[in-house]
Amino acid sequence: MGRFIYDTTANSVDIDDRTLAHLRIVIMNKLRRGEPFMFDVEVGDGSGRRSFWIHPSVPLQFHFFGSRQPRVNRRWIEDLMLSASGPSGLSIVPEPAEDAAPEEA
C-alpha cells in the first residue's frame, strides 16, 4: 500500500502501490503539459471521498512501500488520462486487460 501526499502529510491518501504507480505517470504527464486538474479519490478508511486540485505549484509525493516497480499497463494509463481530461477530473478507474481497447470518455 502506497501513499499519495499532497502538500503536507496531513493531506494524504493510501493507495495500492500498483495503482499509485499508474497515477504517478498520469499526474506527471498532465503537469508536464501545464494542465492542472481535479483528482477525486475514495478514502481507504471508508470515510468518503477527497478531491485535490492538482497544480504544479503544490508539492506532491508518491510514497511506495513496495520495493519493486510494477509493470505498466498502457491501456490503464490511457483510460486514466481520459478520466483526468474529462469534466470531473481524474478518478481511479478499473484496470483493463492489457489487450483491451481504451474506453471512451
N, C-alpha and C. Protein backbone atom coordinates (compact mmCIF):
# COMPACT_ATOMS: atom_id res chain seq x y z
N MET A 1 0.85 -1.18 0.00
CA MET A 1 0.00 0.00 0.00
C MET A 1 0.88 1.23 0.00
N GLY A 2 0.71 2.10 -0.96
CA GLY A 2 1.47 3.33 -1.05
C GLY A 2 0.68 4.50 -0.50
N ARG A 3 1.25 5.67 -0.65
CA ARG A 3 0.59 6.87 -0.13
C ARG A 3 0.80 8.02 -1.10
N PHE A 4 -0.30 8.70 -1.46
CA PHE A 4 -0.27 9.93 -2.24
C PHE A 4 -0.30 11.07 -1.23
N ILE A 5 0.72 11.92 -1.26
CA ILE A 5 0.82 13.03 -0.31
C ILE A 5 0.74 14.34 -1.08
N TYR A 6 -0.22 15.16 -0.71
CA TYR A 6 -0.47 16.44 -1.38
C TYR A 6 -0.14 17.57 -0.42
N ASP A 7 0.90 18.32 -0.71
CA ASP A 7 1.32 19.48 0.07
C ASP A 7 1.94 19.08 1.41
N THR A 8 1.18 18.46 2.30
CA THR A 8 1.69 18.05 3.62
C THR A 8 1.22 16.63 3.91
N THR A 9 1.83 16.00 4.90
CA THR A 9 1.40 14.65 5.24
C THR A 9 -0.02 14.61 5.78
N ALA A 10 -0.54 15.75 6.22
CA ALA A 10 -1.94 15.81 6.68
C ALA A 10 -2.90 15.63 5.51
N ASN A 11 -2.42 15.88 4.31
CA ASN A 11 -3.23 15.73 3.10
C ASN A 11 -2.73 14.51 2.33
N SER A 12 -2.98 13.34 2.87
CA SER A 12 -2.51 12.13 2.20
C SER A 12 -3.62 11.09 2.13
N VAL A 13 -3.47 10.19 1.15
CA VAL A 13 -4.43 9.11 0.95
C VAL A 13 -3.63 7.85 0.64
N ASP A 14 -3.99 6.75 1.28
CA ASP A 14 -3.35 5.47 0.99
C ASP A 14 -3.94 4.88 -0.28
N ILE A 15 -3.05 4.46 -1.18
CA ILE A 15 -3.45 3.89 -2.47
C ILE A 15 -2.53 2.71 -2.75
N ASP A 16 -3.08 1.64 -3.28
CA ASP A 16 -2.31 0.47 -3.65
C ASP A 16 -1.10 0.88 -4.52
N ASP A 17 0.06 0.27 -4.27
CA ASP A 17 1.29 0.62 -5.00
C ASP A 17 1.11 0.55 -6.51
N ARG A 18 0.46 -0.49 -7.01
CA ARG A 18 0.29 -0.63 -8.47
C ARG A 18 -0.55 0.52 -9.03
N THR A 19 -1.63 0.81 -8.37
CA THR A 19 -2.49 1.92 -8.79
C THR A 19 -1.73 3.23 -8.70
N LEU A 20 -1.01 3.44 -7.60
CA LEU A 20 -0.26 4.67 -7.39
C LEU A 20 0.80 4.87 -8.47
N ALA A 21 1.44 3.80 -8.91
CA ALA A 21 2.45 3.90 -9.97
C ALA A 21 1.82 4.41 -11.27
N HIS A 22 0.62 3.96 -11.57
CA HIS A 22 -0.07 4.41 -12.78
C HIS A 22 -0.55 5.85 -12.62
N LEU A 23 -1.06 6.19 -11.44
CA LEU A 23 -1.49 7.57 -11.19
C LEU A 23 -0.31 8.53 -11.31
N ARG A 24 0.85 8.12 -10.82
CA ARG A 24 2.06 8.96 -10.89
C ARG A 24 2.38 9.31 -12.34
N ILE A 25 2.30 8.35 -13.22
CA ILE A 25 2.59 8.60 -14.64
C ILE A 25 1.60 9.60 -15.21
N VAL A 26 0.32 9.40 -14.92
CA VAL A 26 -0.73 10.30 -15.44
C VAL A 26 -0.55 11.71 -14.88
N ILE A 27 -0.37 11.82 -13.58
CA ILE A 27 -0.24 13.14 -12.95
C ILE A 27 0.98 13.87 -13.47
N MET A 28 2.10 13.19 -13.57
CA MET A 28 3.32 13.84 -14.06
C MET A 28 3.18 14.28 -15.51
N ASN A 29 2.50 13.47 -16.33
CA ASN A 29 2.30 13.86 -17.73
C ASN A 29 1.39 15.08 -17.84
N LYS A 30 0.32 15.11 -17.05
CA LYS A 30 -0.58 16.27 -17.08
C LYS A 30 0.15 17.54 -16.63
N LEU A 31 0.92 17.44 -15.55
CA LEU A 31 1.63 18.62 -15.05
C LEU A 31 2.74 19.06 -16.00
N ARG A 32 3.40 18.10 -16.62
CA ARG A 32 4.44 18.43 -17.60
C ARG A 32 3.86 19.24 -18.77
N ARG A 33 2.61 18.96 -19.10
CA ARG A 33 1.92 19.68 -20.18
C ARG A 33 1.32 21.01 -19.72
N GLY A 34 1.43 21.29 -18.43
CA GLY A 34 0.85 22.53 -17.89
C GLY A 34 -0.66 22.46 -17.78
N GLU A 35 -1.19 21.28 -17.47
CA GLU A 35 -2.63 21.07 -17.39
C GLU A 35 -3.05 20.73 -15.96
N PRO A 36 -3.35 21.73 -15.12
CA PRO A 36 -3.86 21.43 -13.79
C PRO A 36 -5.23 20.75 -13.90
N PHE A 37 -5.59 19.97 -12.89
CA PHE A 37 -6.84 19.21 -12.95
C PHE A 37 -7.25 18.78 -11.55
N MET A 38 -8.48 18.30 -11.43
CA MET A 38 -9.01 17.79 -10.18
C MET A 38 -8.73 16.30 -10.10
N PHE A 39 -8.35 15.82 -8.92
CA PHE A 39 -8.15 14.40 -8.64
C PHE A 39 -9.08 14.02 -7.51
N ASP A 40 -10.00 13.11 -7.79
CA ASP A 40 -11.02 12.68 -6.84
C ASP A 40 -10.73 11.23 -6.47
N VAL A 41 -10.59 10.96 -5.17
CA VAL A 41 -10.21 9.61 -4.73
C VAL A 41 -11.02 9.21 -3.50
N GLU A 42 -11.38 7.95 -3.45
CA GLU A 42 -12.08 7.41 -2.29
C GLU A 42 -11.07 7.18 -1.17
N VAL A 43 -11.41 7.62 0.02
CA VAL A 43 -10.53 7.45 1.17
C VAL A 43 -10.63 5.99 1.63
N GLY A 44 -9.48 5.36 1.85
CA GLY A 44 -9.41 3.94 2.16
C GLY A 44 -10.11 3.51 3.43
N ASP A 45 -10.34 4.43 4.37
CA ASP A 45 -10.96 4.05 5.64
C ASP A 45 -12.49 4.08 5.57
N GLY A 46 -13.04 4.32 4.37
CA GLY A 46 -14.48 4.32 4.20
C GLY A 46 -15.16 5.61 4.62
N SER A 47 -14.37 6.66 4.87
CA SER A 47 -14.94 7.92 5.34
C SER A 47 -15.38 8.86 4.22
N GLY A 48 -15.37 8.38 2.99
CA GLY A 48 -15.85 9.22 1.89
C GLY A 48 -14.82 9.41 0.80
N ARG A 49 -14.90 10.57 0.17
CA ARG A 49 -14.01 10.89 -0.95
C ARG A 49 -13.29 12.19 -0.66
N ARG A 50 -12.11 12.34 -1.26
CA ARG A 50 -11.37 13.60 -1.16
C ARG A 50 -11.06 14.06 -2.57
N SER A 51 -11.09 15.35 -2.75
CA SER A 51 -10.75 15.94 -4.04
C SER A 51 -9.55 16.86 -3.85
N PHE A 52 -8.59 16.74 -4.76
CA PHE A 52 -7.38 17.54 -4.74
C PHE A 52 -7.27 18.31 -6.04
N TRP A 53 -7.00 19.61 -5.97
CA TRP A 53 -6.73 20.39 -7.16
C TRP A 53 -5.23 20.22 -7.43
N ILE A 54 -4.91 19.51 -8.50
CA ILE A 54 -3.52 19.21 -8.83
C ILE A 54 -2.97 20.34 -9.70
N HIS A 55 -1.96 21.00 -9.17
CA HIS A 55 -1.35 22.16 -9.83
C HIS A 55 0.16 22.10 -9.60
N PRO A 56 0.96 22.56 -10.56
CA PRO A 56 2.42 22.48 -10.40
C PRO A 56 2.98 23.24 -9.20
N SER A 57 2.25 24.20 -8.66
CA SER A 57 2.76 24.98 -7.53
C SER A 57 2.62 24.27 -6.18
N VAL A 58 1.91 23.14 -6.16
CA VAL A 58 1.69 22.41 -4.91
C VAL A 58 2.59 21.17 -4.89
N PRO A 59 3.38 21.00 -3.82
CA PRO A 59 4.26 19.83 -3.74
C PRO A 59 3.47 18.52 -3.65
N LEU A 60 3.95 17.52 -4.39
CA LEU A 60 3.36 16.19 -4.39
C LEU A 60 4.42 15.17 -4.02
N GLN A 61 3.99 14.10 -3.35
CA GLN A 61 4.87 12.98 -3.08
C GLN A 61 4.12 11.69 -3.38
N PHE A 62 4.84 10.72 -3.88
CA PHE A 62 4.31 9.39 -4.12
C PHE A 62 5.18 8.46 -3.29
N HIS A 63 4.64 7.94 -2.21
CA HIS A 63 5.41 7.09 -1.31
C HIS A 63 5.01 5.64 -1.56
N PHE A 64 5.94 4.87 -2.10
CA PHE A 64 5.70 3.45 -2.38
C PHE A 64 6.29 2.62 -1.26
N PHE A 65 5.53 1.67 -0.76
CA PHE A 65 6.01 0.81 0.30
C PHE A 65 6.66 -0.45 -0.24
N GLY A 66 6.33 -0.84 -1.47
CA GLY A 66 6.95 -2.00 -2.10
C GLY A 66 8.30 -1.61 -2.69
N SER A 67 9.15 -2.59 -2.88
CA SER A 67 10.50 -2.31 -3.39
C SER A 67 10.60 -2.49 -4.90
N ARG A 68 9.59 -3.07 -5.53
CA ARG A 68 9.66 -3.34 -6.96
C ARG A 68 8.73 -2.42 -7.73
N GLN A 69 9.23 -1.97 -8.88
CA GLN A 69 8.42 -1.14 -9.78
C GLN A 69 7.44 -2.05 -10.51
N PRO A 70 6.13 -1.79 -10.43
CA PRO A 70 5.17 -2.65 -11.13
C PRO A 70 5.25 -2.45 -12.64
N ARG A 71 4.88 -3.49 -13.37
CA ARG A 71 4.82 -3.39 -14.82
C ARG A 71 3.67 -2.45 -15.20
N VAL A 72 3.89 -1.60 -16.17
CA VAL A 72 2.91 -0.59 -16.55
C VAL A 72 1.94 -1.15 -17.59
N ASN A 73 0.66 -0.93 -17.34
CA ASN A 73 -0.40 -1.30 -18.26
C ASN A 73 -0.76 -0.04 -19.06
N ARG A 74 -0.33 0.01 -20.31
CA ARG A 74 -0.55 1.20 -21.15
C ARG A 74 -2.03 1.51 -21.34
N ARG A 75 -2.85 0.49 -21.41
CA ARG A 75 -4.30 0.72 -21.58
C ARG A 75 -4.87 1.44 -20.35
N TRP A 76 -4.39 1.07 -19.18
CA TRP A 76 -4.87 1.72 -17.96
C TRP A 76 -4.41 3.17 -17.93
N ILE A 77 -3.18 3.43 -18.36
CA ILE A 77 -2.68 4.81 -18.44
C ILE A 77 -3.58 5.62 -19.35
N GLU A 78 -3.94 5.06 -20.50
CA GLU A 78 -4.80 5.77 -21.45
C GLU A 78 -6.17 6.05 -20.84
N ASP A 79 -6.74 5.06 -20.15
CA ASP A 79 -8.06 5.26 -19.51
C ASP A 79 -7.98 6.32 -18.41
N LEU A 80 -6.91 6.29 -17.63
CA LEU A 80 -6.73 7.30 -16.56
C LEU A 80 -6.51 8.69 -17.16
N MET A 81 -5.77 8.78 -18.27
CA MET A 81 -5.57 10.08 -18.93
C MET A 81 -6.89 10.63 -19.45
N LEU A 82 -7.73 9.76 -20.01
CA LEU A 82 -9.05 10.20 -20.47
C LEU A 82 -9.87 10.73 -19.29
N SER A 83 -9.81 10.04 -18.18
CA SER A 83 -10.53 10.48 -16.98
C SER A 83 -10.02 11.84 -16.53
N ALA A 84 -8.70 12.01 -16.46
CA ALA A 84 -8.10 13.27 -16.00
C ALA A 84 -8.46 14.44 -16.90
N SER A 85 -8.68 14.17 -18.18
CA SER A 85 -9.01 15.23 -19.13
C SER A 85 -10.50 15.50 -19.22
N GLY A 86 -11.31 14.70 -18.54
CA GLY A 86 -12.75 14.85 -18.58
C GLY A 86 -13.25 15.93 -17.63
N PRO A 87 -14.53 16.24 -17.67
CA PRO A 87 -15.10 17.32 -16.86
C PRO A 87 -15.05 17.07 -15.36
N SER A 88 -14.99 15.83 -14.92
CA SER A 88 -14.95 15.52 -13.49
C SER A 88 -13.53 15.33 -12.97
N GLY A 89 -12.56 15.33 -13.85
CA GLY A 89 -11.18 15.16 -13.44
C GLY A 89 -10.80 13.71 -13.25
N LEU A 90 -9.61 13.50 -12.74
CA LEU A 90 -9.04 12.16 -12.58
C LEU A 90 -9.72 11.41 -11.45
N SER A 91 -10.15 10.21 -11.75
CA SER A 91 -10.61 9.29 -10.72
C SER A 91 -10.04 7.92 -11.09
N ILE A 92 -9.93 7.07 -10.10
CA ILE A 92 -9.35 5.75 -10.34
C ILE A 92 -10.39 4.87 -11.01
N VAL A 93 -10.08 4.47 -12.23
CA VAL A 93 -10.96 3.58 -12.99
C VAL A 93 -10.38 2.17 -12.91
N PRO A 94 -11.22 1.13 -13.08
CA PRO A 94 -10.71 -0.24 -13.00
C PRO A 94 -9.63 -0.51 -14.05
N GLU A 95 -8.68 -1.35 -13.70
CA GLU A 95 -7.62 -1.70 -14.63
C GLU A 95 -8.17 -2.64 -15.69
N PRO A 96 -8.03 -2.26 -16.97
CA PRO A 96 -8.49 -3.14 -18.05
C PRO A 96 -7.44 -4.21 -18.36
N ALA A 97 -7.87 -5.23 -19.07
CA ALA A 97 -6.90 -6.20 -19.58
C ALA A 97 -5.98 -5.45 -20.54
N GLU A 98 -4.73 -5.85 -20.60
CA GLU A 98 -3.76 -5.11 -21.41
C GLU A 98 -4.07 -5.13 -22.89
N ASP A 99 -4.84 -6.11 -23.36
CA ASP A 99 -5.17 -6.16 -24.79
C ASP A 99 -6.52 -5.53 -25.10
N ALA A 100 -7.20 -4.96 -24.08
CA ALA A 100 -8.49 -4.31 -24.29
C ALA A 100 -8.30 -2.93 -24.89
N ALA A 101 -9.27 -2.48 -25.67
CA ALA A 101 -9.22 -1.14 -26.25
C ALA A 101 -9.53 -0.12 -25.16
N PRO A 102 -8.93 1.10 -25.23
CA PRO A 102 -9.23 2.13 -24.22
C PRO A 102 -10.70 2.53 -24.27
N GLU A 103 -11.26 2.82 -23.09
CA GLU A 103 -12.67 3.24 -23.01
C GLU A 103 -12.80 4.68 -23.47
N GLU A 104 -13.94 4.97 -24.08
CA GLU A 104 -14.25 6.34 -24.49
C GLU A 104 -14.79 7.09 -23.28
N ALA A 105 -14.43 8.35 -23.14
CA ALA A 105 -14.91 9.16 -22.01
C ALA A 105 -16.32 9.65 -22.26
